Amino acid sequence: MSVVIVGGNECMVREYTELCRKYKCKAKIYPKMCRGLQDIGSPDLMVLFTNTMSHKMIKCAMDGIKNLDIPVERSHNSSKAALRNILDKYAV
């Protein structure tokens, strides 16, 4: 399963990656928008940590998957526990 995480804290990127690895998921993590989100691809799940994202970043992420049938999970909290709850629901 591939997961794209948009937003979150830059210092938590390693924690997000390790947690996804425990759930046997490949993760692409974009804590900030430096060159856009052009190489999102077609993941199995997109996680948006909305508290740490700008409106422009949310719009860019949603436009990137507009025509694809990808589930999007939004979380206001960008903690490791919030990501664990999301992965518990989607990663079987």
N, C-alpha and C. Protein backbone atom coordinates (compact mmCIF):
# COMPACT_ATOMS: atom_id res chain seq x y z
N MET A 1 0.85 -1.17 0.00
CA MET A 1 0.00 0.00 0.00
C MET A 1 0.89 1.23 0.00
N SER A 2 0.55 2.20 -0.82
CA SER A 2 1.32 3.44 -0.87
C SER A 2 0.50 4.57 -0.27
N VAL A 3 1.17 5.41 0.51
CA VAL A 3 0.52 6.50 1.23
C VAL A 3 1.26 7.80 0.92
N VAL A 4 0.51 8.84 0.66
CA VAL A 4 1.08 10.17 0.51
C VAL A 4 0.60 10.99 1.70
N ILE A 5 1.54 11.57 2.42
CA ILE A 5 1.23 12.41 3.57
C ILE A 5 1.59 13.84 3.21
N VAL A 6 0.61 14.72 3.29
CA VAL A 6 0.83 16.12 2.97
C VAL A 6 0.61 16.93 4.23
N GLY A 7 1.57 17.80 4.54
CA GLY A 7 1.49 18.59 5.76
C GLY A 7 2.24 17.88 6.87
N GLY A 8 1.94 18.23 8.08
CA GLY A 8 2.64 17.64 9.21
C GLY A 8 3.86 18.45 9.59
N ASN A 9 4.59 17.97 10.54
CA ASN A 9 5.79 18.66 11.03
C ASN A 9 7.03 18.11 10.35
N GLU A 10 7.95 18.99 9.99
CA GLU A 10 9.18 18.54 9.34
C GLU A 10 10.00 17.64 10.24
N CYS A 11 9.97 17.90 11.54
CA CYS A 11 10.78 17.08 12.46
C CYS A 11 10.18 15.69 12.65
N MET A 12 8.96 15.47 12.18
CA MET A 12 8.30 14.17 12.35
C MET A 12 8.38 13.29 11.10
N VAL A 13 9.07 13.73 10.07
CA VAL A 13 9.12 12.97 8.81
C VAL A 13 9.66 11.56 9.05
N ARG A 14 10.72 11.45 9.83
CA ARG A 14 11.30 10.13 10.10
C ARG A 14 10.32 9.26 10.88
N GLU A 15 9.60 9.84 11.82
CA GLU A 15 8.61 9.09 12.61
C GLU A 15 7.47 8.60 11.71
N TYR A 16 6.99 9.48 10.82
CA TYR A 16 5.93 9.08 9.88
C TYR A 16 6.40 7.93 9.00
N THR A 17 7.64 8.03 8.51
CA THR A 17 8.19 7.00 7.63
C THR A 17 8.30 5.66 8.35
N GLU A 18 8.81 5.67 9.56
CA GLU A 18 8.96 4.43 10.33
C GLU A 18 7.61 3.81 10.66
N LEU A 19 6.63 4.63 11.00
CA LEU A 19 5.30 4.11 11.30
C LEU A 19 4.67 3.48 10.06
N CYS A 20 4.81 4.14 8.93
CA CYS A 20 4.27 3.56 7.69
C CYS A 20 4.98 2.25 7.35
N ARG A 21 6.26 2.18 7.61
CA ARG A 21 7.01 0.95 7.35
C ARG A 21 6.51 -0.19 8.23
N LYS A 22 6.11 0.11 9.48
CA LYS A 22 5.57 -0.92 10.37
C LYS A 22 4.25 -1.47 9.84
N TYR A 23 3.50 -0.64 9.13
CA TYR A 23 2.24 -1.08 8.54
C TYR A 23 2.43 -1.61 7.11
N LYS A 24 3.68 -1.78 6.72
CA LYS A 24 4.04 -2.27 5.38
C LYS A 24 3.51 -1.36 4.28
N CYS A 25 3.66 -0.07 4.49
CA CYS A 25 3.23 0.94 3.52
C CYS A 25 4.44 1.72 3.04
N LYS A 26 4.43 2.06 1.76
CA LYS A 26 5.43 2.98 1.23
C LYS A 26 4.87 4.38 1.40
N ALA A 27 5.70 5.29 1.86
CA ALA A 27 5.21 6.64 2.15
C ALA A 27 6.01 7.70 1.40
N LYS A 28 5.30 8.66 0.85
CA LYS A 28 5.88 9.89 0.34
C LYS A 28 5.35 10.99 1.24
N ILE A 29 6.25 11.78 1.77
CA ILE A 29 5.86 12.78 2.75
C ILE A 29 6.26 14.16 2.26
N TYR A 30 5.29 15.07 2.26
CA TYR A 30 5.51 16.45 1.84
C TYR A 30 5.12 17.38 3.00
N PRO A 31 6.07 17.69 3.90
CA PRO A 31 5.71 18.56 5.02
C PRO A 31 5.51 20.01 4.61
N LYS A 32 6.13 20.42 3.53
CA LYS A 32 5.91 21.77 3.01
C LYS A 32 5.96 21.73 1.50
N MET A 33 5.43 22.77 0.90
CA MET A 33 5.34 22.80 -0.56
C MET A 33 6.51 23.62 -1.09
N CYS A 34 7.56 22.94 -1.52
CA CYS A 34 8.73 23.67 -2.04
C CYS A 34 8.69 23.77 -3.56
N ARG A 35 8.29 22.75 -4.24
CA ARG A 35 8.20 22.79 -5.70
C ARG A 35 6.86 22.25 -6.18
N GLY A 36 5.91 22.28 -5.33
CA GLY A 36 4.60 21.75 -5.69
C GLY A 36 4.55 20.26 -5.38
N LEU A 37 3.44 19.67 -5.69
CA LEU A 37 3.25 18.25 -5.42
C LEU A 37 3.09 17.53 -6.75
N GLN A 38 4.08 17.68 -7.62
CA GLN A 38 3.98 17.17 -8.97
C GLN A 38 4.16 15.67 -9.07
N ASP A 39 4.92 15.07 -8.19
CA ASP A 39 5.21 13.64 -8.30
C ASP A 39 4.45 12.82 -7.28
N ILE A 40 3.19 13.17 -7.04
CA ILE A 40 2.35 12.41 -6.12
C ILE A 40 2.10 11.01 -6.67
N GLY A 41 1.86 10.91 -7.95
CA GLY A 41 1.56 9.62 -8.55
C GLY A 41 0.12 9.22 -8.28
N SER A 42 -0.12 7.94 -8.09
CA SER A 42 -1.47 7.46 -7.77
C SER A 42 -1.39 6.57 -6.54
N PRO A 43 -1.37 7.16 -5.36
CA PRO A 43 -1.26 6.37 -4.13
C PRO A 43 -2.57 5.68 -3.78
N ASP A 44 -2.50 4.78 -2.83
CA ASP A 44 -3.70 4.09 -2.34
C ASP A 44 -4.45 4.93 -1.31
N LEU A 45 -3.75 5.88 -0.68
CA LEU A 45 -4.35 6.72 0.35
C LEU A 45 -3.59 8.03 0.41
N MET A 46 -4.33 9.13 0.59
CA MET A 46 -3.71 10.43 0.82
C MET A 46 -4.15 10.93 2.19
N VAL A 47 -3.17 11.33 2.99
CA VAL A 47 -3.43 11.85 4.33
C VAL A 47 -3.09 13.33 4.32
N LEU A 48 -4.03 14.16 4.75
CA LEU A 48 -3.81 15.60 4.83
C LEU A 48 -3.84 16.01 6.30
N PHE A 49 -2.72 16.54 6.78
CA PHE A 49 -2.67 17.10 8.13
C PHE A 49 -2.98 18.59 8.00
N THR A 50 -4.25 18.94 8.13
CA THR A 50 -4.73 20.26 7.75
C THR A 50 -4.28 21.38 8.67
N ASN A 51 -3.91 21.09 9.90
CA ASN A 51 -3.51 22.15 10.82
C ASN A 51 -2.21 22.81 10.38
N THR A 52 -1.35 22.08 9.71
CA THR A 52 -0.03 22.59 9.34
C THR A 52 0.07 22.89 7.85
N MET A 53 -1.05 23.04 7.18
CA MET A 53 -1.05 23.28 5.74
C MET A 53 -1.71 24.62 5.42
N SER A 54 -1.23 25.25 4.35
CA SER A 54 -1.89 26.44 3.87
C SER A 54 -3.05 26.04 2.96
N HIS A 55 -3.93 26.97 2.70
CA HIS A 55 -5.05 26.69 1.80
C HIS A 55 -4.54 26.38 0.40
N LYS A 56 -3.48 27.05 0.00
CA LYS A 56 -2.89 26.81 -1.33
C LYS A 56 -2.35 25.38 -1.43
N MET A 57 -1.75 24.91 -0.37
CA MET A 57 -1.20 23.55 -0.37
C MET A 57 -2.32 22.51 -0.41
N ILE A 58 -3.41 22.74 0.30
CA ILE A 58 -4.55 21.83 0.26
C ILE A 58 -5.13 21.78 -1.15
N LYS A 59 -5.30 22.96 -1.75
CA LYS A 59 -5.86 23.03 -3.11
C LYS A 59 -4.95 22.33 -4.11
N CYS A 60 -3.65 22.52 -3.98
CA CYS A 60 -2.69 21.87 -4.89
C CYS A 60 -2.74 20.35 -4.74
N ALA A 61 -2.83 19.87 -3.51
CA ALA A 61 -2.89 18.42 -3.27
C ALA A 61 -4.18 17.83 -3.82
N MET A 62 -5.29 18.51 -3.61
CA MET A 62 -6.58 18.00 -4.09
C MET A 62 -6.67 18.07 -5.61
N ASP A 63 -6.09 19.10 -6.22
CA ASP A 63 -6.08 19.19 -7.68
C ASP A 63 -5.22 18.10 -8.30
N GLY A 64 -4.18 17.67 -7.59
CA GLY A 64 -3.29 16.64 -8.10
C GLY A 64 -3.95 15.27 -8.22
N ILE A 65 -5.00 15.03 -7.44
CA ILE A 65 -5.67 13.73 -7.48
C ILE A 65 -7.13 13.86 -7.88
N LYS A 66 -7.48 14.97 -8.50
CA LYS A 66 -8.88 15.27 -8.81
C LYS A 66 -9.56 14.17 -9.62
N ASN A 67 -8.93 13.66 -10.64
CA ASN A 67 -9.56 12.68 -11.53
C ASN A 67 -9.29 11.24 -11.12
N LEU A 68 -8.57 11.04 -10.04
CA LEU A 68 -8.25 9.69 -9.57
C LEU A 68 -9.18 9.31 -8.43
N ASP A 69 -9.43 8.03 -8.29
CA ASP A 69 -10.31 7.55 -7.23
C ASP A 69 -9.46 7.15 -6.02
N ILE A 70 -8.97 8.17 -5.29
CA ILE A 70 -8.08 7.93 -4.17
C ILE A 70 -8.77 8.41 -2.90
N PRO A 71 -8.83 7.56 -1.85
CA PRO A 71 -9.42 8.02 -0.59
C PRO A 71 -8.52 9.07 0.06
N VAL A 72 -9.14 10.12 0.58
CA VAL A 72 -8.43 11.20 1.25
C VAL A 72 -8.89 11.25 2.70
N GLU A 73 -7.95 11.18 3.60
CA GLU A 73 -8.26 11.25 5.03
C GLU A 73 -7.66 12.55 5.57
N ARG A 74 -8.51 13.38 6.16
CA ARG A 74 -8.05 14.65 6.72
C ARG A 74 -7.99 14.53 8.23
N SER A 75 -6.92 15.08 8.79
CA SER A 75 -6.75 15.09 10.23
C SER A 75 -6.25 16.46 10.65
N HIS A 76 -6.90 17.05 11.63
CA HIS A 76 -6.46 18.34 12.12
C HIS A 76 -5.19 18.20 12.93
N ASN A 77 -5.02 17.07 13.57
CA ASN A 77 -3.86 16.80 14.40
C ASN A 77 -2.80 16.09 13.55
N SER A 78 -1.54 16.49 13.67
CA SER A 78 -0.48 15.88 12.87
C SER A 78 0.46 15.04 13.72
N SER A 79 -0.09 14.38 14.72
CA SER A 79 0.74 13.56 15.61
C SER A 79 0.92 12.15 15.05
N LYS A 80 1.83 11.44 15.67
CA LYS A 80 2.08 10.05 15.29
C LYS A 80 0.85 9.19 15.61
N ALA A 81 0.17 9.49 16.71
CA ALA A 81 -1.03 8.74 17.09
C ALA A 81 -2.15 8.97 16.08
N ALA A 82 -2.27 10.18 15.55
CA ALA A 82 -3.30 10.45 14.55
C ALA A 82 -3.02 9.64 13.28
N LEU A 83 -1.76 9.58 12.87
CA LEU A 83 -1.40 8.78 11.70
C LEU A 83 -1.63 7.30 11.97
N ARG A 84 -1.34 6.83 13.18
CA ARG A 84 -1.56 5.43 13.53
C ARG A 84 -3.05 5.08 13.43
N ASN A 85 -3.91 5.97 13.90
CA ASN A 85 -5.36 5.72 13.80
C ASN A 85 -5.82 5.64 12.36
N ILE A 86 -5.29 6.50 11.52
CA ILE A 86 -5.64 6.47 10.09
C ILE A 86 -5.16 5.17 9.44
N LEU A 87 -3.92 4.78 9.74
CA LEU A 87 -3.39 3.55 9.14
C LEU A 87 -4.09 2.31 9.68
N ASP A 88 -4.56 2.36 10.93
CA ASP A 88 -5.34 1.24 11.47
C ASP A 88 -6.63 1.04 10.65
N LYS A 89 -7.19 2.13 10.20
CA LYS A 89 -8.44 2.06 9.45
C LYS A 89 -8.24 1.57 8.01
N TYR A 90 -7.13 1.99 7.36
CA TYR A 90 -6.95 1.71 5.94
C TYR A 90 -5.97 0.58 5.64
N ALA A 91 -4.92 0.45 6.39
CA ALA A 91 -3.91 -0.58 6.12
C ALA A 91 -4.30 -1.86 6.85
N VAL A 92 -4.64 -2.87 6.11
CA VAL A 92 -5.10 -4.12 6.71
C VAL A 92 -3.99 -5.13 6.73
